[in-house]
Amino acid sequence: LMAQLARFQLLLLDDWGIQKITAPQRADLMEVIEDRHGLRSTLVASQIPVELWHDYIGEATLADAGQPNNNLLIHR
């Protein structure tokens, strides 16, 4: 599955954050983000404000990957 996700030019994660994620799901999400970083685009659509991503994700490293920086554009 990871190889398939890596092939898409744009990966859309829609309605992200509807349910809490488990530790294995967090690890998978981190792997997908790391594999795509700098190579492919990933768009996250969520009702959760970016400021609350740390609480939702429960993992600082992964939550920090979604915070605004020079590689990420957030539109509200």
PDB file of N, CA and C in Angstrom:
ATOM      1  N   LEU A   1       0.824  -1.196   0.000  1.00  0.00           N
ATOM      2  CA  LEU A   1       0.000   0.000   0.000  1.00  0.00           C
ATOM      3  C   LEU A   1       0.868   1.260   0.000  1.00  0.00           C
ATOM      4  N   MET A   2       1.949   1.251   0.763  1.00  0.00           N
ATOM      5  CA  MET A   2       2.808   2.435   0.833  1.00  0.00           C
ATOM      6  C   MET A   2       3.388   2.768  -0.541  1.00  0.00           C
ATOM      7  N   ALA A   3       3.786   1.752  -1.292  1.00  0.00           N
ATOM      8  CA  ALA A   3       4.337   1.974  -2.630  1.00  0.00           C
ATOM      9  C   ALA A   3       3.279   2.571  -3.554  1.00  0.00           C
ATOM     10  N   GLN A   4       2.042   2.124  -3.408  1.00  0.00           N
ATOM     11  CA  GLN A   4       0.959   2.669  -4.229  1.00  0.00           C
ATOM     12  C   GLN A   4       0.716   4.140  -3.891  1.00  0.00           C
ATOM     13  N   LEU A   5       0.708   4.464  -2.615  1.00  0.00           N
ATOM     14  CA  LEU A   5       0.488   5.851  -2.205  1.00  0.00           C
ATOM     15  C   LEU A   5       1.618   6.757  -2.676  1.00  0.00           C
ATOM     16  N   ALA A   6       2.818   6.240  -2.733  1.00  0.00           N
ATOM     17  CA  ALA A   6       3.979   7.030  -3.137  1.00  0.00           C
ATOM     18  C   ALA A   6       3.925   7.420  -4.611  1.00  0.00           C
ATOM     19  N   ARG A   7       3.178   6.689  -5.417  1.00  0.00           N
ATOM     20  CA  ARG A   7       3.119   6.961  -6.861  1.00  0.00           C
ATOM     21  C   ARG A   7       2.220   8.138  -7.221  1.00  0.00           C
ATOM     22  N   PHE A   8       1.251   8.468  -6.388  1.00  0.00           N
ATOM     23  CA  PHE A   8       0.326   9.554  -6.708  1.00  0.00           C
ATOM     24  C   PHE A   8       1.035  10.903  -6.636  1.00  0.00           C
ATOM     25  N   GLN A   9       0.819  11.744  -7.640  1.00  0.00           N
ATOM     26  CA  GLN A   9       1.377  13.094  -7.617  1.00  0.00           C
ATOM     27  C   GLN A   9       0.772  13.914  -6.476  1.00  0.00           C
ATOM     28  N   LEU A  10      -0.523  13.683  -6.224  1.00  0.00           N
ATOM     29  CA  LEU A  10      -1.220  14.376  -5.143  1.00  0.00           C
ATOM     30  C   LEU A  10      -1.995  13.357  -4.327  1.00  0.00           C
ATOM     31  N   LEU A  11      -1.726  13.317  -3.034  1.00  0.00           N
ATOM     32  CA  LEU A  11      -2.472  12.461  -2.112  1.00  0.00           C
ATOM     33  C   LEU A  11      -3.376  13.370  -1.293  1.00  0.00           C
ATOM     34  N   LEU A  12      -4.679  13.115  -1.343  1.00  0.00           N
ATOM     35  CA  LEU A  12      -5.651  13.918  -0.619  1.00  0.00           C
ATOM     36  C   LEU A  12      -6.159  13.140   0.584  1.00  0.00           C
ATOM     37  N   LEU A  13      -5.925  13.683   1.772  1.00  0.00           N
ATOM     38  CA  LEU A  13      -6.456  13.107   3.007  1.00  0.00           C
ATOM     39  C   LEU A  13      -7.660  13.956   3.391  1.00  0.00           C
ATOM     40  N   ASP A  14      -8.850  13.489   3.022  1.00  0.00           N
ATOM     41  CA  ASP A  14     -10.074  14.259   3.201  1.00  0.00           C
ATOM     42  C   ASP A  14     -10.760  13.887   4.515  1.00  0.00           C
ATOM     43  N   ASP A  15     -11.390  14.864   5.137  1.00  0.00           N
ATOM     44  CA  ASP A  15     -12.064  14.682   6.425  1.00  0.00           C
ATOM     45  C   ASP A  15     -11.118  14.102   7.465  1.00  0.00           C
ATOM     46  N   TRP A  16      -9.887  14.533   7.417  1.00  0.00           N
ATOM     47  CA  TRP A  16      -8.859  14.046   8.328  1.00  0.00           C
ATOM     48  C   TRP A  16      -9.194  14.485   9.748  1.00  0.00           C
ATOM     49  N   GLY A  17      -9.119  13.547  10.664  1.00  0.00           N
ATOM     50  CA  GLY A  17      -9.331  13.865  12.062  1.00  0.00           C
ATOM     51  C   GLY A  17     -10.721  13.569  12.573  1.00  0.00           C
ATOM     52  N   ILE A  18     -11.526  12.874  11.785  1.00  0.00           N
ATOM     53  CA  ILE A  18     -12.877  12.537  12.243  1.00  0.00           C
ATOM     54  C   ILE A  18     -12.809  11.582  13.431  1.00  0.00           C
ATOM     55  N   GLN A  19     -11.881  10.635  13.383  1.00  0.00           N
ATOM     56  CA  GLN A  19     -11.717   9.672  14.474  1.00  0.00           C
ATOM     57  C   GLN A  19     -10.290   9.753  14.996  1.00  0.00           C
ATOM     58  N   LYS A  20     -10.116   9.438  16.272  1.00  0.00           N
ATOM     59  CA  LYS A  20      -8.767   9.361  16.845  1.00  0.00           C
ATOM     60  C   LYS A  20      -7.977   8.282  16.116  1.00  0.00           C
ATOM     61  N   ILE A  21      -6.673   8.487  16.005  1.00  0.00           N
ATOM     62  CA  ILE A  21      -5.840   7.480  15.352  1.00  0.00           C
ATOM     63  C   ILE A  21      -5.069   6.690  16.405  1.00  0.00           C
ATOM     64  N   THR A  22      -4.787   5.445  16.069  1.00  0.00           N
ATOM     65  CA  THR A  22      -4.055   4.555  16.967  1.00  0.00           C
ATOM     66  C   THR A  22      -2.556   4.725  16.741  1.00  0.00           C
ATOM     67  N   ALA A  23      -1.753   4.154  17.608  1.00  0.00           N
ATOM     68  CA  ALA A  23      -0.296   4.222  17.459  1.00  0.00           C
ATOM     69  C   ALA A  23       0.161   3.627  16.124  1.00  0.00           C
ATOM     70  N   PRO A  24      -0.345   2.442  15.703  1.00  0.00           N
ATOM     71  CA  PRO A  24       0.066   1.914  14.390  1.00  0.00           C
ATOM     72  C   PRO A  24      -0.363   2.826  13.232  1.00  0.00           C
ATOM     73  N   GLN A  25      -1.537   3.429  13.336  1.00  0.00           N
ATOM     74  CA  GLN A  25      -1.981   4.353  12.291  1.00  0.00           C
ATOM     75  C   GLN A  25      -1.098   5.597  12.254  1.00  0.00           C
ATOM     76  N   ARG A  26      -0.684   6.071  13.435  1.00  0.00           N
ATOM     77  CA  ARG A  26       0.234   7.214  13.519  1.00  0.00           C
ATOM     78  C   ARG A  26       1.543   6.888  12.825  1.00  0.00           C
ATOM     79  N   ALA A  27       2.067   5.691  13.074  1.00  0.00           N
ATOM     80  CA  ALA A  27       3.331   5.277  12.452  1.00  0.00           C
ATOM     81  C   ALA A  27       3.185   5.206  10.933  1.00  0.00           C
ATOM     82  N   ASP A  28       2.067   4.667  10.462  1.00  0.00           N
ATOM     83  CA  ASP A  28       1.829   4.586   9.016  1.00  0.00           C
ATOM     84  C   ASP A  28       1.731   5.977   8.398  1.00  0.00           C
ATOM     85  N   LEU A  29       1.020   6.870   9.070  1.00  0.00           N
ATOM     86  CA  LEU A  29       0.877   8.232   8.563  1.00  0.00           C
ATOM     87  C   LEU A  29       2.231   8.924   8.490  1.00  0.00           C
ATOM     88  N   MET A  30       3.052   8.751   9.519  1.00  0.00           N
ATOM     89  CA  MET A  30       4.393   9.342   9.525  1.00  0.00           C
ATOM     90  C   MET A  30       5.222   8.805   8.367  1.00  0.00           C
ATOM     91  N   GLU A  31       5.120   7.502   8.106  1.00  0.00           N
ATOM     92  CA  GLU A  31       5.869   6.894   7.001  1.00  0.00           C
ATOM     93  C   GLU A  31       5.425   7.473   5.659  1.00  0.00           C
ATOM     94  N   VAL A  32       4.122   7.619   5.475  1.00  0.00           N
ATOM     95  CA  VAL A  32       3.607   8.189   4.226  1.00  0.00           C
ATOM     96  C   VAL A  32       4.121   9.614   4.052  1.00  0.00           C
ATOM     97  N   ILE A  33       4.040  10.422   5.106  1.00  0.00           N
ATOM     98  CA  ILE A  33       4.499  11.813   5.025  1.00  0.00           C
ATOM     99  C   ILE A  33       5.994  11.873   4.731  1.00  0.00           C
ATOM    100  N   GLU A  34       6.782  11.055   5.411  1.00  0.00           N
ATOM    101  CA  GLU A  34       8.230  11.044   5.184  1.00  0.00           C
ATOM    102  C   GLU A  34       8.570  10.597   3.771  1.00  0.00           C
ATOM    103  N   ASP A  35       7.882   9.566   3.274  1.00  0.00           N
ATOM    104  CA  ASP A  35       8.150   9.057   1.924  1.00  0.00           C
ATOM    105  C   ASP A  35       7.826  10.091   0.849  1.00  0.00           C
ATOM    106  N   ARG A  36       6.831  10.923   1.077  1.00  0.00           N
ATOM    107  CA  ARG A  36       6.378  11.882   0.078  1.00  0.00           C
ATOM    108  C   ARG A  36       7.082  13.240   0.196  1.00  0.00           C
ATOM    109  N   HIS A  37       7.673  13.524   1.352  1.00  0.00           N
ATOM    110  CA  HIS A  37       8.264  14.837   1.622  1.00  0.00           C
ATOM    111  C   HIS A  37       9.266  15.242   0.534  1.00  0.00           C
ATOM    112  N   GLY A  38       9.009  16.375  -0.082  1.00  0.00           N
ATOM    113  CA  GLY A  38       9.907  16.904  -1.094  1.00  0.00           C
ATOM    114  C   GLY A  38       9.773  16.257  -2.463  1.00  0.00           C
ATOM    115  N   LEU A  39       8.940  15.218  -2.575  1.00  0.00           N
ATOM    116  CA  LEU A  39       8.797  14.499  -3.840  1.00  0.00           C
ATOM    117  C   LEU A  39       7.407  14.627  -4.446  1.00  0.00           C
ATOM    118  N   ARG A  40       6.399  14.564  -3.610  1.00  0.00           N
ATOM    119  CA  ARG A  40       5.010  14.572  -4.055  1.00  0.00           C
ATOM    120  C   ARG A  40       4.204  15.491  -3.134  1.00  0.00           C
ATOM    121  N   SER A  41       3.035  15.889  -3.608  1.00  0.00           N
ATOM    122  CA  SER A  41       2.169  16.776  -2.823  1.00  0.00           C
ATOM    123  C   SER A  41       1.177  15.975  -1.993  1.00  0.00           C
ATOM    124  N   THR A  42       0.906  16.480  -0.804  1.00  0.00           N
ATOM    125  CA  THR A  42      -0.100  15.882   0.075  1.00  0.00           C
ATOM    126  C   THR A  42      -0.996  17.006   0.575  1.00  0.00           C
ATOM    127  N   LEU A  43      -2.300  16.838   0.379  1.00  0.00           N
ATOM    128  CA  LEU A  43      -3.268  17.830   0.808  1.00  0.00           C
ATOM    129  C   LEU A  43      -4.104  17.219   1.920  1.00  0.00           C
ATOM    130  N   VAL A  44      -4.197  17.935   3.034  1.00  0.00           N
ATOM    131  CA  VAL A  44      -4.978  17.465   4.177  1.00  0.00           C
ATOM    132  C   VAL A  44      -6.170  18.399   4.347  1.00  0.00           C
ATOM    133  N   ALA A  45      -7.372  17.837   4.262  1.00  0.00           N
ATOM    134  CA  ALA A  45      -8.599  18.602   4.491  1.00  0.00           C
ATOM    135  C   ALA A  45      -9.173  18.166   5.833  1.00  0.00           C
ATOM    136  N   SER A  46      -9.341  19.123   6.732  1.00  0.00           N
ATOM    137  CA  SER A  46      -9.779  18.783   8.082  1.00  0.00           C
ATOM    138  C   SER A  46     -10.613  19.906   8.674  1.00  0.00           C
ATOM    139  N   GLN A  47     -11.516  19.542   9.552  1.00  0.00           N
ATOM    140  CA  GLN A  47     -12.287  20.521  10.309  1.00  0.00           C
ATOM    141  C   GLN A  47     -11.542  20.924  11.584  1.00  0.00           C
ATOM    142  N   ILE A  48     -10.494  20.172  11.915  1.00  0.00           N
ATOM    143  CA  ILE A  48      -9.727  20.432  13.136  1.00  0.00           C
ATOM    144  C   ILE A  48      -8.761  21.590  12.885  1.00  0.00           C
ATOM    145  N   PRO A  49      -8.785  22.627  13.715  1.00  0.00           N
ATOM    146  CA  PRO A  49      -7.819  23.712  13.554  1.00  0.00           C
ATOM    147  C   PRO A  49      -6.388  23.181  13.710  1.00  0.00           C
ATOM    148  N   VAL A  50      -5.481  23.736  12.943  1.00  0.00           N
ATOM    149  CA  VAL A  50      -4.084  23.287  12.968  1.00  0.00           C
ATOM    150  C   VAL A  50      -3.516  23.331  14.381  1.00  0.00           C
ATOM    151  N   GLU A  51      -3.950  24.314  15.173  1.00  0.00           N
ATOM    152  CA  GLU A  51      -3.433  24.434  16.544  1.00  0.00           C
ATOM    153  C   GLU A  51      -3.761  23.215  17.398  1.00  0.00           C
ATOM    154  N   LEU A  52      -4.778  22.454  17.021  1.00  0.00           N
ATOM    155  CA  LEU A  52      -5.198  21.292  17.811  1.00  0.00           C
ATOM    156  C   LEU A  52      -4.648  19.971  17.278  1.00  0.00           C
ATOM    157  N   TRP A  53      -3.829  20.021  16.226  1.00  0.00           N
ATOM    158  CA  TRP A  53      -3.301  18.783  15.651  1.00  0.00           C
ATOM    159  C   TRP A  53      -2.461  18.000  16.656  1.00  0.00           C
ATOM    160  N   HIS A  54      -1.686  18.687  17.500  1.00  0.00           N
ATOM    161  CA  HIS A  54      -0.882  17.978  18.507  1.00  0.00           C
ATOM    162  C   HIS A  54      -1.768  17.118  19.401  1.00  0.00           C
ATOM    163  N   ASP A  55      -2.862  17.704  19.874  1.00  0.00           N
ATOM    164  CA  ASP A  55      -3.778  16.957  20.745  1.00  0.00           C
ATOM    165  C   ASP A  55      -4.397  15.777  20.013  1.00  0.00           C
ATOM    166  N   TYR A  56      -4.797  15.996  18.774  1.00  0.00           N
ATOM    167  CA  TYR A  56      -5.444  14.936  18.004  1.00  0.00           C
ATOM    168  C   TYR A  56      -4.471  13.800  17.696  1.00  0.00           C
ATOM    169  N   ILE A  57      -3.289  14.153  17.223  1.00  0.00           N
ATOM    170  CA  ILE A  57      -2.318  13.139  16.800  1.00  0.00           C
ATOM    171  C   ILE A  57      -1.702  12.439  18.000  1.00  0.00           C
ATOM    172  N   GLY A  58      -1.384  13.192  19.040  1.00  0.00           N
ATOM    173  CA  GLY A  58      -0.808  12.587  20.231  1.00  0.00           C
ATOM    174  C   GLY A  58       0.659  12.223  20.078  1.00  0.00           C
ATOM    175  N   GLU A  59       1.315  12.774  19.090  1.00  0.00           N
ATOM    176  CA  GLU A  59       2.734  12.492  18.824  1.00  0.00           C
ATOM    177  C   GLU A  59       3.346  13.795  18.318  1.00  0.00           C
ATOM    178  N   ALA A  60       4.211  14.393  19.103  1.00  0.00           N
ATOM    179  CA  ALA A  60       4.749  15.712  18.766  1.00  0.00           C
ATOM    180  C   ALA A  60       5.481  15.739  17.430  1.00  0.00           C
ATOM    181  N   THR A  61       6.277  14.719  17.136  1.00  0.00           N
ATOM    182  CA  THR A  61       7.056  14.706  15.895  1.00  0.00           C
ATOM    183  C   THR A  61       6.154  14.752  14.679  1.00  0.00           C
ATOM    184  N   LEU A  62       5.126  13.935  14.674  1.00  0.00           N
ATOM    185  CA  LEU A  62       4.207  13.897  13.540  1.00  0.00           C
ATOM    186  C   LEU A  62       3.377  15.172  13.482  1.00  0.00           C
ATOM    187  N   ALA A  63       2.924  15.647  14.605  1.00  0.00           N
ATOM    188  CA  ALA A  63       2.134  16.881  14.620  1.00  0.00           C
ATOM    189  C   ALA A  63       2.963  18.050  14.116  1.00  0.00           C
ATOM    190  N   ASP A  64       4.246  18.091  14.481  1.00  0.00           N
ATOM    191  CA  ASP A  64       5.127  19.156  14.009  1.00  0.00           C
ATOM    192  C   ASP A  64       5.299  19.110  12.498  1.00  0.00           C
ATOM    193  N   ALA A  65       5.209  17.928  11.902  1.00  0.00           N
ATOM    194  CA  ALA A  65       5.328  17.798  10.450  1.00  0.00           C
ATOM    195  C   ALA A  65       4.186  18.517   9.750  1.00  0.00           C
ATOM    196  N   GLY A  66       3.075  18.720  10.438  1.00  0.00           N
ATOM    197  CA  GLY A  66       1.935  19.402   9.847  1.00  0.00           C
ATOM    198  C   GLY A  66       1.847  20.873  10.177  1.00  0.00           C
ATOM    199  N   GLN A  67       2.805  21.388  10.917  1.00  0.00           N
ATOM    200  CA  GLN A  67       2.779  22.797  11.283  1.00  0.00           C
ATOM    201  C   GLN A  67       3.343  23.644  10.146  1.00  0.00           C
ATOM    202  N   PRO A  68       2.903  24.888  10.073  1.00  0.00           N
ATOM    203  CA  PRO A  68       3.371  25.762   8.997  1.00  0.00           C
ATOM    204  C   PRO A  68       4.885  25.908   8.991  1.00  0.00           C
ATOM    205  N   ASN A  69       5.446  25.765   7.820  1.00  0.00           N
ATOM    206  CA  ASN A  69       6.870  26.025   7.597  1.00  0.00           C
ATOM    207  C   ASN A  69       7.032  26.388   6.133  1.00  0.00           C
ATOM    208  N   ASN A  70       8.245  26.497   5.660  1.00  0.00           N
ATOM    209  CA  ASN A  70       8.439  26.937   4.283  1.00  0.00           C
ATOM    210  C   ASN A  70       8.107  25.855   3.250  1.00  0.00           C
ATOM    211  N   ASN A  71       7.750  24.655   3.656  1.00  0.00           N
ATOM    212  CA  ASN A  71       7.368  23.597   2.724  1.00  0.00           C
ATOM    213  C   ASN A  71       5.875  23.314   2.752  1.00  0.00           C
ATOM    214  N   LEU A  72       5.121  24.053   3.548  1.00  0.00           N
ATOM    215  CA  LEU A  72       3.715  23.733   3.767  1.00  0.00           C
ATOM    216  C   LEU A  72       2.877  24.998   3.674  1.00  0.00           C
ATOM    217  N   LEU A  73       1.779  24.905   2.956  1.00  0.00           N
ATOM    218  CA  LEU A  73       0.840  26.010   2.864  1.00  0.00           C
ATOM    219  C   LEU A  73      -0.460  25.579   3.515  1.00  0.00           C
ATOM    220  N   ILE A  74      -0.938  26.365   4.438  1.00  0.00           N
ATOM    221  CA  ILE A  74      -2.206  26.069   5.103  1.00  0.00           C
ATOM    222  C   ILE A  74      -3.198  27.152   4.717  1.00  0.00           C
ATOM    223  N   HIS A  75      -4.351  26.724   4.242  1.00  0.00           N
ATOM    224  CA  HIS A  75      -5.417  27.657   3.871  1.00  0.00           C
ATOM    225  C   HIS A  75      -6.622  27.383   4.752  1.00  0.00           C
ATOM    226  N   ARG A  76      -7.181  28.402   5.334  1.00  0.00           N
ATOM    227  CA  ARG A  76      -8.352  28.233   6.209  1.00  0.00           C
ATOM    228  C   ARG A  76      -9.581  28.775   5.538  1.00  0.00           C
TER     229      ARG A  76
END
